[in-house]
């Protein structure tokens, strides 16, 4: 809910709505624009390759959901 409040505080005039969800297919259904703000933060002792390895799962899932349910002209 924190990200939702941050977006509302920005008073973005073109923001029609925000759907907080952990389900990528629900989140990206018919979207024209997607702002991907989720990723695993770097932890102490992690190397860059460890971080990329962990985040690739997140980005892959999001990319597959975008391809499946978003508008074909979606801007990411």
PDB file of N, CA and C in Angstrom:
ATOM      1  N   UNK A   1       0.814  -1.205   0.000  1.00  0.00           N
ATOM      2  CA  UNK A   1       0.000   0.000   0.000  1.00  0.00           C
ATOM      3  C   UNK A   1       0.855   1.265   0.000  1.00  0.00           C
ATOM      4  N   UNK A   2       2.098   1.162   0.421  1.00  0.00           N
ATOM      5  CA  UNK A   2       2.975   2.328   0.461  1.00  0.00           C
ATOM      6  C   UNK A   2       3.213   2.924  -0.909  1.00  0.00           C
ATOM      7  N   UNK A   3       3.414   2.074  -1.905  1.00  0.00           N
ATOM      8  CA  UNK A   3       3.628   2.567  -3.270  1.00  0.00           C
ATOM      9  C   UNK A   3       2.370   3.259  -3.773  1.00  0.00           C
ATOM     10  N   UNK A   4       1.200   2.725  -3.452  1.00  0.00           N
ATOM     11  CA  UNK A   4      -0.068   3.343  -3.854  1.00  0.00           C
ATOM     12  C   UNK A   4      -0.167   4.746  -3.269  1.00  0.00           C
ATOM     13  N   UNK A   5       0.178   4.895  -1.994  1.00  0.00           N
ATOM     14  CA  UNK A   5       0.125   6.215  -1.357  1.00  0.00           C
ATOM     15  C   UNK A   5       1.126   7.174  -1.990  1.00  0.00           C
ATOM     16  N   UNK A   6       2.318   6.674  -2.324  1.00  0.00           N
ATOM     17  CA  UNK A   6       3.324   7.527  -2.965  1.00  0.00           C
ATOM     18  C   UNK A   6       2.820   8.031  -4.312  1.00  0.00           C
ATOM     19  N   UNK A   7       2.207   7.157  -5.095  1.00  0.00           N
ATOM     20  CA  UNK A   7       1.678   7.563  -6.398  1.00  0.00           C
ATOM     21  C   UNK A   7       0.547   8.574  -6.240  1.00  0.00           C
ATOM     22  N   UNK A   8      -0.319   8.369  -5.263  1.00  0.00           N
ATOM     23  CA  UNK A   8      -1.412   9.309  -5.010  1.00  0.00           C
ATOM     24  C   UNK A   8      -0.864  10.660  -4.577  1.00  0.00           C
ATOM     25  N   UNK A   9       0.185  10.664  -3.767  1.00  0.00           N
ATOM     26  CA  UNK A   9       0.796  11.913  -3.309  1.00  0.00           C
ATOM     27  C   UNK A   9       1.387  12.714  -4.461  1.00  0.00           C
ATOM     28  N   UNK A  10       1.807  12.023  -5.497  1.00  0.00           N
ATOM     29  CA  UNK A  10       2.380  12.715  -6.661  1.00  0.00           C
ATOM     30  C   UNK A  10       1.320  13.487  -7.430  1.00  0.00           C
ATOM     31  N   UNK A  11       0.049  13.149  -7.224  1.00  0.00           N
ATOM     32  CA  UNK A  11      -1.068  13.784  -7.925  1.00  0.00           C
ATOM     33  C   UNK A  11      -0.849  13.759  -9.433  1.00  0.00           C
ATOM     34  N   UNK A  12      -0.454  12.620  -9.930  1.00  0.00           N
ATOM     35  CA  UNK A  12      -0.215  12.474 -11.364  1.00  0.00           C
ATOM     36  C   UNK A  12      -1.535  12.612 -12.124  1.00  0.00           C
ATOM     37  N   UNK A  13      -1.665  13.615 -12.998  1.00  0.00           N
ATOM     38  CA  UNK A  13      -2.943  13.877 -13.661  1.00  0.00           C
ATOM     39  C   UNK A  13      -3.375  12.772 -14.631  1.00  0.00           C
ATOM     40  N   UNK A  14      -2.453  12.006 -15.144  1.00  0.00           N
ATOM     41  CA  UNK A  14      -2.807  10.962 -16.099  1.00  0.00           C
ATOM     42  C   UNK A  14      -2.975   9.593 -15.451  1.00  0.00           C
ATOM     43  N   UNK A  15      -2.804   9.515 -14.153  1.00  0.00           N
ATOM     44  CA  UNK A  15      -2.929   8.248 -13.446  1.00  0.00           C
ATOM     45  C   UNK A  15      -4.404   7.955 -13.199  1.00  0.00           C
ATOM     46  N   UNK A  16      -4.933   6.964 -13.915  1.00  0.00           N
ATOM     47  CA  UNK A  16      -6.356   6.638 -13.815  1.00  0.00           C
ATOM     48  C   UNK A  16      -6.656   5.757 -12.611  1.00  0.00           C
ATOM     49  N   UNK A  17      -5.673   5.007 -12.150  1.00  0.00           N
ATOM     50  CA  UNK A  17      -5.899   4.132 -11.013  1.00  0.00           C
ATOM     51  C   UNK A  17      -4.682   3.277 -10.739  1.00  0.00           C
ATOM     52  N   UNK A  18      -4.651   2.702  -9.557  1.00  0.00           N
ATOM     53  CA  UNK A  18      -3.561   1.827  -9.146  1.00  0.00           C
ATOM     54  C   UNK A  18      -4.188   0.574  -8.544  1.00  0.00           C
ATOM     55  N   UNK A  19      -3.724  -0.577  -8.983  1.00  0.00           N
ATOM     56  CA  UNK A  19      -4.220  -1.849  -8.473  1.00  0.00           C
ATOM     57  C   UNK A  19      -3.089  -2.558  -7.742  1.00  0.00           C
ATOM     58  N   UNK A  20      -3.085  -2.494  -6.416  1.00  0.00           N
ATOM     59  CA  UNK A  20      -2.029  -3.203  -5.680  1.00  0.00           C
ATOM     60  C   UNK A  20      -2.336  -4.703  -5.661  1.00  0.00           C
ATOM     61  N   UNK A  21      -1.443  -5.500  -6.221  1.00  0.00           N
ATOM     62  CA  UNK A  21      -1.642  -6.945  -6.280  1.00  0.00           C
ATOM     63  C   UNK A  21      -0.300  -7.648  -6.432  1.00  0.00           C
ATOM     64  N   UNK A  22      -0.247  -8.886  -5.996  1.00  0.00           N
ATOM     65  CA  UNK A  22       0.951  -9.709  -6.183  1.00  0.00           C
ATOM     66  C   UNK A  22       0.798 -10.617  -7.398  1.00  0.00           C
ATOM     67  N   UNK A  23      -0.345 -10.543  -8.076  1.00  0.00           N
ATOM     68  CA  UNK A  23      -0.620 -11.373  -9.244  1.00  0.00           C
ATOM     69  C   UNK A  23      -0.285 -10.594 -10.514  1.00  0.00           C
ATOM     70  N   UNK A  24       0.799 -10.932 -11.210  1.00  0.00           N
ATOM     71  CA  UNK A  24       1.209 -10.169 -12.391  1.00  0.00           C
ATOM     72  C   UNK A  24       0.160 -10.134 -13.501  1.00  0.00           C
ATOM     73  N   UNK A  25      -0.552 -11.229 -13.718  1.00  0.00           N
ATOM     74  CA  UNK A  25      -1.566 -11.229 -14.779  1.00  0.00           C
ATOM     75  C   UNK A  25      -2.715 -10.293 -14.442  1.00  0.00           C
ATOM     76  N   UNK A  26      -3.084 -10.217 -13.191  1.00  0.00           N
ATOM     77  CA  UNK A  26      -4.116  -9.273 -12.753  1.00  0.00           C
ATOM     78  C   UNK A  26      -3.598  -7.839 -12.888  1.00  0.00           C
ATOM     79  N   UNK A  27      -2.363  -7.626 -12.506  1.00  0.00           N
ATOM     80  CA  UNK A  27      -1.782  -6.284 -12.534  1.00  0.00           C
ATOM     81  C   UNK A  27      -1.639  -5.738 -13.951  1.00  0.00           C
ATOM     82  N   UNK A  28      -1.277  -6.594 -14.904  1.00  0.00           N
ATOM     83  CA  UNK A  28      -0.961  -6.132 -16.256  1.00  0.00           C
ATOM     84  C   UNK A  28      -2.098  -6.299 -17.254  1.00  0.00           C
ATOM     85  N   UNK A  29      -3.271  -6.739 -16.807  1.00  0.00           N
ATOM     86  CA  UNK A  29      -4.399  -6.968 -17.709  1.00  0.00           C
ATOM     87  C   UNK A  29      -4.753  -5.693 -18.466  1.00  0.00           C
ATOM     88  N   UNK A  30      -4.582  -5.732 -19.791  1.00  0.00           N
ATOM     89  CA  UNK A  30      -4.961  -4.647 -20.707  1.00  0.00           C
ATOM     90  C   UNK A  30      -4.271  -3.312 -20.438  1.00  0.00           C
ATOM     91  N   UNK A  31      -3.111  -3.312 -19.781  1.00  0.00           N
ATOM     92  CA  UNK A  31      -2.433  -2.044 -19.503  1.00  0.00           C
ATOM     93  C   UNK A  31      -1.772  -1.486 -20.760  1.00  0.00           C
ATOM     94  N   UNK A  32      -1.723  -0.162 -20.830  1.00  0.00           N
ATOM     95  CA  UNK A  32      -1.042   0.534 -21.920  1.00  0.00           C
ATOM     96  C   UNK A  32       0.362   0.948 -21.500  1.00  0.00           C
ATOM     97  N   UNK A  33       0.575   1.089 -20.181  1.00  0.00           N
ATOM     98  CA  UNK A  33       1.888   1.467 -19.648  1.00  0.00           C
ATOM     99  C   UNK A  33       2.117   0.709 -18.348  1.00  0.00           C
ATOM    100  N   UNK A  34       3.338   0.225 -18.164  1.00  0.00           N
ATOM    101  CA  UNK A  34       3.680  -0.517 -16.949  1.00  0.00           C
ATOM    102  C   UNK A  34       4.970   0.045 -16.370  1.00  0.00           C
ATOM    103  N   UNK A  35       4.935   0.347 -15.083  1.00  0.00           N
ATOM    104  CA  UNK A  35       6.108   0.828 -14.364  1.00  0.00           C
ATOM    105  C   UNK A  35       6.537  -0.284 -13.413  1.00  0.00           C
ATOM    106  N   UNK A  36       7.631  -0.925 -13.710  1.00  0.00           N
ATOM    107  CA  UNK A  36       8.080  -2.065 -12.919  1.00  0.00           C
ATOM    108  C   UNK A  36       8.987  -1.565 -11.799  1.00  0.00           C
ATOM    109  N   UNK A  37       8.461  -1.576 -10.586  1.00  0.00           N
ATOM    110  CA  UNK A  37       9.208  -1.027  -9.452  1.00  0.00           C
ATOM    111  C   UNK A  37       9.611  -2.093  -8.442  1.00  0.00           C
ATOM    112  N   UNK A  38       9.274  -3.334  -8.698  1.00  0.00           N
ATOM    113  CA  UNK A  38       9.583  -4.391  -7.748  1.00  0.00           C
ATOM    114  C   UNK A  38      10.848  -5.146  -8.103  1.00  0.00           C
ATOM    115  N   UNK A  39      11.678  -5.366  -7.135  1.00  0.00           N
ATOM    116  CA  UNK A  39      12.892  -6.166  -7.300  1.00  0.00           C
ATOM    117  C   UNK A  39      13.401  -6.512  -5.909  1.00  0.00           C
ATOM    118  N   UNK A  40      14.227  -7.522  -5.857  1.00  0.00           N
ATOM    119  CA  UNK A  40      14.828  -7.903  -4.580  1.00  0.00           C
ATOM    120  C   UNK A  40      15.980  -6.953  -4.269  1.00  0.00           C
ATOM    121  N   UNK A  41      16.005  -6.389  -3.082  1.00  0.00           N
ATOM    122  CA  UNK A  41      17.113  -5.492  -2.740  1.00  0.00           C
ATOM    123  C   UNK A  41      18.404  -6.267  -2.486  1.00  0.00           C
ATOM    124  N   UNK A  42      19.503  -5.608  -2.714  1.00  0.00           N
ATOM    125  CA  UNK A  42      20.814  -6.223  -2.453  1.00  0.00           C
ATOM    126  C   UNK A  42      21.007  -6.360  -0.950  1.00  0.00           C
ATOM    127  N   UNK A  43      21.441  -7.541  -0.548  1.00  0.00           N
ATOM    128  CA  UNK A  43      21.706  -7.801   0.868  1.00  0.00           C
ATOM    129  C   UNK A  43      23.203  -7.778   1.112  1.00  0.00           C
ATOM    130  N   UNK A  44      23.554  -7.605   2.364  1.00  0.00           N
ATOM    131  CA  UNK A  44      24.969  -7.572   2.728  1.00  0.00           C
ATOM    132  C   UNK A  44      25.650  -8.863   2.275  1.00  0.00           C
ATOM    133  N   UNK A  45      26.788  -8.707   1.641  1.00  0.00           N
ATOM    134  CA  UNK A  45      27.559  -9.850   1.179  1.00  0.00           C
ATOM    135  C   UNK A  45      27.185 -10.351  -0.207  1.00  0.00           C
ATOM    136  N   UNK A  46      26.110  -9.819  -0.784  1.00  0.00           N
ATOM    137  CA  UNK A  46      25.694 -10.248  -2.121  1.00  0.00           C
ATOM    138  C   UNK A  46      26.560  -9.593  -3.181  1.00  0.00           C
ATOM    139  N   UNK A  47      26.909 -10.352  -4.174  1.00  0.00           N
ATOM    140  CA  UNK A  47      27.592  -9.797  -5.331  1.00  0.00           C
ATOM    141  C   UNK A  47      26.546  -9.479  -6.387  1.00  0.00           C
ATOM    142  N   UNK A  48      26.948  -8.688  -7.365  1.00  0.00           N
ATOM    143  CA  UNK A  48      26.022  -8.283  -8.420  1.00  0.00           C
ATOM    144  C   UNK A  48      25.381  -9.484  -9.109  1.00  0.00           C
ATOM    145  N   UNK A  49      26.165 -10.524  -9.371  1.00  0.00           N
ATOM    146  CA  UNK A  49      25.629 -11.705 -10.059  1.00  0.00           C
ATOM    147  C   UNK A  49      24.559 -12.394  -9.217  1.00  0.00           C
ATOM    148  N   UNK A  50      24.708 -12.373  -7.885  1.00  0.00           N
ATOM    149  CA  UNK A  50      23.701 -12.959  -7.002  1.00  0.00           C
ATOM    150  C   UNK A  50      22.391 -12.180  -7.091  1.00  0.00           C
ATOM    151  N   UNK A  51      22.516 -10.869  -7.110  1.00  0.00           N
ATOM    152  CA  UNK A  51      21.345 -10.005  -7.194  1.00  0.00           C
ATOM    153  C   UNK A  51      20.631 -10.198  -8.528  1.00  0.00           C
ATOM    154  N   UNK A  52      21.390 -10.235  -9.610  1.00  0.00           N
ATOM    155  CA  UNK A  52      20.789 -10.435 -10.928  1.00  0.00           C
ATOM    156  C   UNK A  52      20.106 -11.789 -11.020  1.00  0.00           C
ATOM    157  N   UNK A  53      20.722 -12.799 -10.460  1.00  0.00           N
ATOM    158  CA  UNK A  53      20.146 -14.144 -10.475  1.00  0.00           C
ATOM    159  C   UNK A  53      18.808 -14.176  -9.741  1.00  0.00           C
ATOM    160  N   UNK A  54      18.731 -13.504  -8.613  1.00  0.00           N
ATOM    161  CA  UNK A  54      17.489 -13.463  -7.840  1.00  0.00           C
ATOM    162  C   UNK A  54      16.414 -12.657  -8.559  1.00  0.00           C
ATOM    163  N   UNK A  55      16.805 -11.539  -9.159  1.00  0.00           N
ATOM    164  CA  UNK A  55      15.828 -10.665  -9.802  1.00  0.00           C
ATOM    165  C   UNK A  55      15.359 -11.178 -11.154  1.00  0.00           C
ATOM    166  N   UNK A  56      16.139 -12.030 -11.803  1.00  0.00           N
ATOM    167  CA  UNK A  56      15.728 -12.524 -13.118  1.00  0.00           C
ATOM    168  C   UNK A  56      14.404 -13.273 -13.020  1.00  0.00           C
ATOM    169  N   UNK A  57      14.161 -13.970 -11.926  1.00  0.00           N
ATOM    170  CA  UNK A  57      12.887 -14.676 -11.751  1.00  0.00           C
ATOM    171  C   UNK A  57      11.724 -13.686 -11.706  1.00  0.00           C
ATOM    172  N   UNK A  58      11.921 -12.584 -10.999  1.00  0.00           N
ATOM    173  CA  UNK A  58      10.878 -11.561 -10.888  1.00  0.00           C
ATOM    174  C   UNK A  58      10.598 -10.955 -12.256  1.00  0.00           C
ATOM    175  N   UNK A  59      11.648 -10.531 -12.949  1.00  0.00           N
ATOM    176  CA  UNK A  59      11.470  -9.867 -14.237  1.00  0.00           C
ATOM    177  C   UNK A  59      10.945 -10.816 -15.304  1.00  0.00           C
ATOM    178  N   UNK A  60      11.338 -12.079 -15.246  1.00  0.00           N
ATOM    179  CA  UNK A  60      10.844 -13.067 -16.210  1.00  0.00           C
ATOM    180  C   UNK A  60       9.343 -13.262 -16.035  1.00  0.00           C
ATOM    181  N   UNK A  61       8.903 -13.413 -14.794  1.00  0.00           N
ATOM    182  CA  UNK A  61       7.475 -13.591 -14.517  1.00  0.00           C
ATOM    183  C   UNK A  61       6.675 -12.375 -14.984  1.00  0.00           C
ATOM    184  N   UNK A  62       7.202 -11.182 -14.726  1.00  0.00           N
ATOM    185  CA  UNK A  62       6.510  -9.970 -15.151  1.00  0.00           C
ATOM    186  C   UNK A  62       6.459  -9.873 -16.675  1.00  0.00           C
ATOM    187  N   UNK A  63       7.562 -10.190 -17.335  1.00  0.00           N
ATOM    188  CA  UNK A  63       7.605 -10.144 -18.795  1.00  0.00           C
ATOM    189  C   UNK A  63       6.636 -11.119 -19.431  1.00  0.00           C
ATOM    190  N   UNK A  64       6.551 -12.316 -18.884  1.00  0.00           N
ATOM    191  CA  UNK A  64       5.623 -13.312 -19.417  1.00  0.00           C
ATOM    192  C   UNK A  64       4.175 -12.866 -19.230  1.00  0.00           C
ATOM    193  N   UNK A  65       3.866 -12.281 -18.085  1.00  0.00           N
ATOM    194  CA  UNK A  65       2.510 -11.791 -17.836  1.00  0.00           C
ATOM    195  C   UNK A  65       2.179 -10.623 -18.757  1.00  0.00           C
ATOM    196  N   UNK A  66       3.126  -9.712 -18.953  1.00  0.00           N
ATOM    197  CA  UNK A  66       2.905  -8.598 -19.879  1.00  0.00           C
ATOM    198  C   UNK A  66       2.611  -9.116 -21.276  1.00  0.00           C
ATOM    199  N   UNK A  67       3.387 -10.080 -21.723  1.00  0.00           N
ATOM    200  CA  UNK A  67       3.192 -10.644 -23.059  1.00  0.00           C
ATOM    201  C   UNK A  67       1.829 -11.310 -23.188  1.00  0.00           C
ATOM    202  N   UNK A  68       1.371 -11.926 -22.122  1.00  0.00           N
ATOM    203  CA  UNK A  68       0.120 -12.683 -22.159  1.00  0.00           C
ATOM    204  C   UNK A  68      -1.123 -11.800 -22.073  1.00  0.00           C
ATOM    205  N   UNK A  69      -1.119 -10.781 -21.197  1.00  0.00           N
ATOM    206  CA  UNK A  69      -2.379 -10.073 -20.912  1.00  0.00           C
ATOM    207  C   UNK A  69      -2.370  -8.569 -21.176  1.00  0.00           C
ATOM    208  N   UNK A  70      -1.203  -7.966 -21.366  1.00  0.00           N
ATOM    209  CA  UNK A  70      -1.169  -6.514 -21.599  1.00  0.00           C
ATOM    210  C   UNK A  70      -1.518  -6.208 -23.053  1.00  0.00           C
ATOM    211  N   UNK A  71      -1.815  -4.954 -23.313  1.00  0.00           N
ATOM    212  CA  UNK A  71      -2.005  -4.534 -24.703  1.00  0.00           C
ATOM    213  C   UNK A  71      -0.724  -4.802 -25.473  1.00  0.00           C
ATOM    214  N   UNK A  72      -0.844  -5.099 -26.736  1.00  0.00           N
ATOM    215  CA  UNK A  72       0.338  -5.418 -27.546  1.00  0.00           C
ATOM    216  C   UNK A  72       1.222  -4.191 -27.769  1.00  0.00           C
ATOM    217  N   UNK A  73       0.680  -2.989 -27.573  1.00  0.00           N
ATOM    218  CA  UNK A  73       1.470  -1.765 -27.730  1.00  0.00           C
ATOM    219  C   UNK A  73       1.891  -1.182 -26.375  1.00  0.00           C
ATOM    220  N   UNK A  74       1.924  -2.018 -25.338  1.00  0.00           N
ATOM    221  CA  UNK A  74       2.266  -1.566 -23.987  1.00  0.00           C
ATOM    222  C   UNK A  74       3.651  -0.919 -23.963  1.00  0.00           C
ATOM    223  N   UNK A  75       3.775   0.122 -23.185  1.00  0.00           N
ATOM    224  CA  UNK A  75       5.059   0.788 -22.954  1.00  0.00           C
ATOM    225  C   UNK A  75       5.519   0.414 -21.552  1.00  0.00           C
ATOM    226  N   UNK A  76       6.751  -0.095 -21.458  1.00  0.00           N
ATOM    227  CA  UNK A  76       7.283  -0.545 -20.169  1.00  0.00           C
ATOM    228  C   UNK A  76       8.432   0.349 -19.767  1.00  0.00           C
TER     229      UNK A  76
END
